Amino acid sequence: MSETINIVQQKDPVLRKKAKPVPLSMLGTPELDKVLSDMRKAMATQKDGVAIAAPQIGASLQIFMVSAAVLSKADEDYKDHTNDLVFINPKITKLSKDKKLVEEGCLSVRWLYGNISRSTRASIVALNEKGEKMERGASGLLAQIFQHETDHLNGILFIDKAEEIWEMTEEEIAQAQGK
């Protein structure tokens, strides 16, 4: 039986800390592999989980990952439909001036949702889990995810920036998603 990884909730102080950069010496170690495995397990338990940051599992490290399922829908160039995309020590290098009010939720702020102003395009540079540098540009949902997850790494929750916040039940969310 696999262990359950809890996703920490908004009152946990780890979510309000600036996450520490991952030391290069940690790349390829069992310690990093465990953090990534725990993040994957935690995200997989959430039907509506599209991405997760390491602080959300209690690890104050600059890591986030985007679900392979979301990537395959949001980025037609993404060919690997089985692997979540890992971003280690990510830095947003460019944000479009063009912004849009988008609906957002968070696995660490259950079951609140809100409208937040996000840039419609974002560019990011990071290391992948092999330690290779990668640069990606994104628009739409993926650009929104980059901004949401890098906010997590800076101790910021979407509710800090949201213009309007409301609560939804799990059933209402499933209904809204047509499930």
C-alpha atoms as a PDB file:
ATOM      1  CA  MET A   1       0.000   0.000   0.000  1.00  0.00           C
ATOM      2  CA  SER A   2       1.413   3.390  -0.930  1.00  0.00           C
ATOM      3  CA  GLU A   3       1.650   6.116   1.677  1.00  0.00           C
ATOM      4  CA  THR A   4      -0.660   9.102   1.587  1.00  0.00           C
ATOM      5  CA  ILE A   5       1.096  12.432   1.226  1.00  0.00           C
ATOM      6  CA  ASN A   6      -0.791  15.267   2.854  1.00  0.00           C
ATOM      7  CA  ILE A   7      -1.090  18.600   1.138  1.00  0.00           C
ATOM      8  CA  VAL A   8      -0.510  21.308   3.724  1.00  0.00           C
ATOM      9  CA  GLN A   9      -3.247  23.893   4.118  1.00  0.00           C
ATOM     10  CA  GLN A  10      -3.138  27.690   4.228  1.00  0.00           C
ATOM     11  CA  LYS A  11      -2.498  28.076   7.975  1.00  0.00           C
ATOM     12  CA  ASP A  12       0.751  26.053   7.762  1.00  0.00           C
ATOM     13  CA  PRO A  13       3.720  28.458   8.130  1.00  0.00           C
ATOM     14  CA  VAL A  14       5.748  26.639   5.420  1.00  0.00           C
ATOM     15  CA  LEU A  15       3.405  28.156   2.814  1.00  0.00           C
ATOM     16  CA  ARG A  16       4.363  31.674   3.920  1.00  0.00           C
ATOM     17  CA  LYS A  17       8.141  31.177   3.777  1.00  0.00           C
ATOM     18  CA  LYS A  18      10.310  31.974   0.788  1.00  0.00           C
ATOM     19  CA  ALA A  19      11.401  28.519  -0.375  1.00  0.00           C
ATOM     20  CA  LYS A  20      15.114  27.719  -0.437  1.00  0.00           C
ATOM     21  CA  PRO A  21      16.929  27.121  -3.732  1.00  0.00           C
ATOM     22  CA  VAL A  22      17.708  23.466  -4.400  1.00  0.00           C
ATOM     23  CA  PRO A  23      21.495  23.011  -4.049  1.00  0.00           C
ATOM     24  CA  LEU A  24      23.049  21.510  -7.192  1.00  0.00           C
ATOM     25  CA  SER A  25      24.548  18.804  -4.955  1.00  0.00           C
ATOM     26  CA  MET A  26      20.982  17.599  -4.252  1.00  0.00           C
ATOM     27  CA  LEU A  27      20.254  16.840  -7.925  1.00  0.00           C
ATOM     28  CA  GLY A  28      20.008  13.108  -8.586  1.00  0.00           C
ATOM     29  CA  THR A  29      19.979  12.206  -4.887  1.00  0.00           C
ATOM     30  CA  PRO A  30      17.483   9.920  -3.140  1.00  0.00           C
ATOM     31  CA  GLU A  31      16.459  12.946  -1.037  1.00  0.00           C
ATOM     32  CA  LEU A  32      15.372  14.926  -4.123  1.00  0.00           C
ATOM     33  CA  ASP A  33      13.811  11.826  -5.708  1.00  0.00           C
ATOM     34  CA  LYS A  34      11.669  11.401  -2.557  1.00  0.00           C
ATOM     35  CA  VAL A  35      10.475  15.029  -2.651  1.00  0.00           C
ATOM     36  CA  LEU A  36       9.520  14.671  -6.340  1.00  0.00           C
ATOM     37  CA  SER A  37       7.842  11.312  -5.716  1.00  0.00           C
ATOM     38  CA  ASP A  38       5.872  12.765  -2.784  1.00  0.00           C
ATOM     39  CA  MET A  39       4.792  15.725  -4.927  1.00  0.00           C
ATOM     40  CA  ARG A  40       3.589  13.368  -7.685  1.00  0.00           C
ATOM     41  CA  LYS A  41       1.689  11.205  -5.179  1.00  0.00           C
ATOM     42  CA  ALA A  42       0.037  14.226  -3.561  1.00  0.00           C
ATOM     43  CA  MET A  43      -0.988  15.758  -6.901  1.00  0.00           C
ATOM     44  CA  ALA A  44      -2.326  12.395  -8.140  1.00  0.00           C
ATOM     45  CA  THR A  45      -4.753  12.230  -5.201  1.00  0.00           C
ATOM     46  CA  GLN A  46      -6.471  15.448  -6.328  1.00  0.00           C
ATOM     47  CA  LYS A  47      -8.923  15.210  -9.235  1.00  0.00           C
ATOM     48  CA  ASP A  48      -8.574  18.931  -9.909  1.00  0.00           C
ATOM     49  CA  GLY A  49      -4.815  19.164  -9.302  1.00  0.00           C
ATOM     50  CA  VAL A  50      -2.978  20.697 -12.265  1.00  0.00           C
ATOM     51  CA  ALA A  51       0.316  21.553 -10.540  1.00  0.00           C
ATOM     52  CA  ILE A  52       1.966  21.488  -7.132  1.00  0.00           C
ATOM     53  CA  ALA A  53       4.853  23.264  -5.410  1.00  0.00           C
ATOM     54  CA  ALA A  54       7.190  21.591  -2.910  1.00  0.00           C
ATOM     55  CA  PRO A  55       6.058  23.830   0.004  1.00  0.00           C
ATOM     56  CA  GLN A  56       2.576  22.310  -0.438  1.00  0.00           C
ATOM     57  CA  ILE A  57       3.931  18.992   0.845  1.00  0.00           C
ATOM     58  CA  GLY A  58       5.918  20.714   3.598  1.00  0.00           C
ATOM     59  CA  ALA A  59       9.268  20.889   1.746  1.00  0.00           C
ATOM     60  CA  SER A  60      10.571  24.471   1.627  1.00  0.00           C
ATOM     61  CA  LEU A  61      12.385  24.026  -1.688  1.00  0.00           C
ATOM     62  CA  GLN A  62      12.121  25.913  -4.986  1.00  0.00           C
ATOM     63  CA  ILE A  63      10.437  23.153  -6.967  1.00  0.00           C
ATOM     64  CA  PHE A  64       7.113  22.876  -8.726  1.00  0.00           C
ATOM     65  CA  MET A  65       5.674  20.409 -11.188  1.00  0.00           C
ATOM     66  CA  VAL A  66       2.914  20.585 -13.755  1.00  0.00           C
ATOM     67  CA  SER A  67       0.699  17.577 -14.394  1.00  0.00           C
ATOM     68  CA  ALA A  68       1.418  15.719 -17.644  1.00  0.00           C
ATOM     69  CA  ALA A  69      -2.336  15.567 -18.313  1.00  0.00           C
ATOM     70  CA  VAL A  70      -2.599  19.365 -18.192  1.00  0.00           C
ATOM     71  CA  LEU A  71       0.540  19.830 -20.278  1.00  0.00           C
ATOM     72  CA  SER A  72      -0.772  17.594 -23.027  1.00  0.00           C
ATOM     73  CA  LYS A  73      -3.886  19.799 -23.231  1.00  0.00           C
ATOM     74  CA  ALA A  74      -2.226  23.201 -22.691  1.00  0.00           C
ATOM     75  CA  ASP A  75       0.866  22.713 -24.870  1.00  0.00           C
ATOM     76  CA  GLU A  76       0.551  20.901 -28.204  1.00  0.00           C
ATOM     77  CA  ASP A  77       4.371  20.648 -28.385  1.00  0.00           C
ATOM     78  CA  TYR A  78       4.513  18.557 -25.198  1.00  0.00           C
ATOM     79  CA  LYS A  79       4.874  14.973 -26.390  1.00  0.00           C
ATOM     80  CA  ASP A  80       5.543  13.127 -23.121  1.00  0.00           C
ATOM     81  CA  HIS A  81       2.039  12.385 -21.809  1.00  0.00           C
ATOM     82  CA  THR A  82       3.273  10.255 -18.901  1.00  0.00           C
ATOM     83  CA  ASN A  83       5.746  12.538 -17.145  1.00  0.00           C
ATOM     84  CA  ASP A  84       4.869  15.576 -15.086  1.00  0.00           C
ATOM     85  CA  LEU A  85       7.164  18.485 -15.942  1.00  0.00           C
ATOM     86  CA  VAL A  86       9.478  19.449 -13.074  1.00  0.00           C
ATOM     87  CA  PHE A  87      10.820  22.978 -12.545  1.00  0.00           C
ATOM     88  CA  ILE A  88      13.733  23.311 -10.093  1.00  0.00           C
ATOM     89  CA  ASN A  89      14.892  26.785  -8.976  1.00  0.00           C
ATOM     90  CA  PRO A  90      12.510  28.432 -11.476  1.00  0.00           C
ATOM     91  CA  LYS A  91      12.677  32.111 -12.332  1.00  0.00           C
ATOM     92  CA  ILE A  92      10.090  33.925 -14.390  1.00  0.00           C
ATOM     93  CA  THR A  93      12.113  35.886 -16.944  1.00  0.00           C
ATOM     94  CA  LYS A  94       9.303  37.685 -18.717  1.00  0.00           C
ATOM     95  CA  LEU A  95       5.615  38.465 -18.165  1.00  0.00           C
ATOM     96  CA  SER A  96       3.366  40.031 -20.754  1.00  0.00           C
ATOM     97  CA  LYS A  97       1.932  43.448 -19.996  1.00  0.00           C
ATOM     98  CA  ASP A  98      -1.360  42.011 -21.255  1.00  0.00           C
ATOM     99  CA  LYS A  99      -3.271  40.709 -18.226  1.00  0.00           C
ATOM    100  CA  LYS A 100      -6.533  38.893 -17.805  1.00  0.00           C
ATOM    101  CA  LEU A 101      -8.812  38.207 -14.860  1.00  0.00           C
ATOM    102  CA  VAL A 102      -8.811  34.415 -14.406  1.00  0.00           C
ATOM    103  CA  GLU A 103     -10.454  32.026 -11.972  1.00  0.00           C
ATOM    104  CA  GLU A 104      -8.065  30.232  -9.672  1.00  0.00           C
ATOM    105  CA  GLY A 105      -8.066  27.722  -6.860  1.00  0.00           C
ATOM    106  CA  CYS A 106      -5.331  25.984  -4.892  1.00  0.00           C
ATOM    107  CA  LEU A 107      -4.801  22.546  -3.376  1.00  0.00           C
ATOM    108  CA  SER A 108      -3.591  24.306  -0.202  1.00  0.00           C
ATOM    109  CA  VAL A 109      -6.593  26.655   0.052  1.00  0.00           C
ATOM    110  CA  ARG A 110      -9.501  24.215  -0.077  1.00  0.00           C
ATOM    111  CA  TRP A 111     -12.314  24.974  -1.251  1.00  0.00           C
ATOM    112  CA  LEU A 112     -11.823  28.637  -1.984  1.00  0.00           C
ATOM    113  CA  TYR A 113     -11.706  30.090  -5.475  1.00  0.00           C
ATOM    114  CA  GLY A 114     -11.165  33.590  -6.720  1.00  0.00           C
ATOM    115  CA  ASN A 115     -10.588  35.924  -9.620  1.00  0.00           C
ATOM    116  CA  ILE A 116      -7.009  37.066 -10.002  1.00  0.00           C
ATOM    117  CA  SER A 117      -5.237  39.229 -12.559  1.00  0.00           C
ATOM    118  CA  ARG A 118      -2.480  37.253 -14.324  1.00  0.00           C
ATOM    119  CA  SER A 119      -0.264  38.002 -17.305  1.00  0.00           C
ATOM    120  CA  THR A 120      -1.505  36.127 -20.367  1.00  0.00           C
ATOM    121  CA  ARG A 121       2.030  35.046 -21.332  1.00  0.00           C
ATOM    122  CA  ALA A 122       5.043  34.083 -19.226  1.00  0.00           C
ATOM    123  CA  SER A 123       8.582  32.848 -19.834  1.00  0.00           C
ATOM    124  CA  ILE A 124      10.455  30.783 -17.285  1.00  0.00           C
ATOM    125  CA  VAL A 125      13.933  29.371 -16.854  1.00  0.00           C
ATOM    126  CA  ALA A 126      14.598  26.428 -14.537  1.00  0.00           C
ATOM    127  CA  LEU A 127      16.419  23.136 -14.173  1.00  0.00           C
ATOM    128  CA  ASN A 128      14.649  19.879 -14.953  1.00  0.00           C
ATOM    129  CA  GLU A 129      14.980  16.910 -12.604  1.00  0.00           C
ATOM    130  CA  LYS A 130      18.194  15.825 -14.399  1.00  0.00           C
ATOM    131  CA  GLY A 131      19.712  19.244 -13.679  1.00  0.00           C
ATOM    132  CA  GLU A 132      19.493  20.411 -17.297  1.00  0.00           C
ATOM    133  CA  LYS A 133      18.643  24.063 -17.897  1.00  0.00           C
ATOM    134  CA  MET A 134      15.346  24.601 -19.692  1.00  0.00           C
ATOM    135  CA  GLU A 135      13.569  27.706 -20.869  1.00  0.00           C
ATOM    136  CA  ARG A 136       9.887  27.736 -21.731  1.00  0.00           C
ATOM    137  CA  GLY A 137       7.402  30.273 -22.863  1.00  0.00           C
ATOM    138  CA  ALA A 138       3.724  29.758 -22.200  1.00  0.00           C
ATOM    139  CA  SER A 139       0.363  31.379 -22.671  1.00  0.00           C
ATOM    140  CA  GLY A 140      -3.092  30.833 -21.213  1.00  0.00           C
ATOM    141  CA  LEU A 141      -3.421  28.162 -18.528  1.00  0.00           C
ATOM    142  CA  LEU A 142       0.268  27.246 -18.520  1.00  0.00           C
ATOM    143  CA  ALA A 143       1.327  30.898 -18.067  1.00  0.00           C
ATOM    144  CA  GLN A 144      -1.176  31.130 -15.202  1.00  0.00           C
ATOM    145  CA  ILE A 145       0.276  27.983 -13.593  1.00  0.00           C
ATOM    146  CA  PHE A 146       3.840  29.356 -13.836  1.00  0.00           C
ATOM    147  CA  GLN A 147       2.745  32.510 -11.999  1.00  0.00           C
ATOM    148  CA  HIS A 148       0.668  30.667  -9.367  1.00  0.00           C
ATOM    149  CA  GLU A 149       3.433  28.158  -8.577  1.00  0.00           C
ATOM    150  CA  THR A 150       6.269  30.702  -8.445  1.00  0.00           C
ATOM    151  CA  ASP A 151       4.081  32.730  -6.064  1.00  0.00           C
ATOM    152  CA  HIS A 152       4.025  29.620  -3.821  1.00  0.00           C
ATOM    153  CA  LEU A 153       7.815  29.554  -3.830  1.00  0.00           C
ATOM    154  CA  ASN A 154       7.775  33.169  -2.619  1.00  0.00           C
ATOM    155  CA  GLY A 155       5.318  32.509   0.215  1.00  0.00           C
ATOM    156  CA  ILE A 156       2.348  34.036  -1.622  1.00  0.00           C
ATOM    157  CA  LEU A 157      -1.077  32.400  -1.912  1.00  0.00           C
ATOM    158  CA  PHE A 158      -3.566  33.334  -4.633  1.00  0.00           C
ATOM    159  CA  ILE A 159      -5.998  34.576  -1.969  1.00  0.00           C
ATOM    160  CA  ASP A 160      -3.474  37.344  -1.182  1.00  0.00           C
ATOM    161  CA  LYS A 161      -3.989  38.770  -4.692  1.00  0.00           C
ATOM    162  CA  ALA A 162      -7.539  37.703  -5.575  1.00  0.00           C
ATOM    163  CA  GLU A 163     -10.078  40.421  -6.306  1.00  0.00           C
ATOM    164  CA  GLU A 164     -13.014  38.266  -5.305  1.00  0.00           C
ATOM    165  CA  ILE A 165     -13.083  34.992  -3.316  1.00  0.00           C
ATOM    166  CA  TRP A 166     -15.838  32.402  -2.985  1.00  0.00           C
ATOM    167  CA  GLU A 167     -16.245  28.875  -1.700  1.00  0.00           C
ATOM    168  CA  MET A 168     -17.301  25.839  -3.732  1.00  0.00           C
ATOM    169  CA  THR A 169     -17.915  22.266  -2.650  1.00  0.00           C
ATOM    170  CA  GLU A 170     -16.200  19.311  -4.291  1.00  0.00           C
ATOM    171  CA  GLU A 171     -19.559  18.367  -5.829  1.00  0.00           C
ATOM    172  CA  GLU A 172     -20.056  21.852  -7.311  1.00  0.00           C
ATOM    173  CA  ILE A 173     -16.577  21.708  -8.823  1.00  0.00           C
ATOM    174  CA  ALA A 174     -17.199  18.285 -10.389  1.00  0.00           C
ATOM    175  CA  GLN A 175     -20.511  19.578 -11.766  1.00  0.00           C
ATOM    176  CA  ALA A 176     -18.835  22.701 -13.202  1.00  0.00           C
ATOM    177  CA  GLN A 177     -16.209  20.499 -14.885  1.00  0.00           C
ATOM    178  CA  GLY A 178     -18.951  18.308 -16.312  1.00  0.00           C
ATOM    179  CA  LYS A 179     -17.957  15.170 -14.372  1.00  0.00           C
END
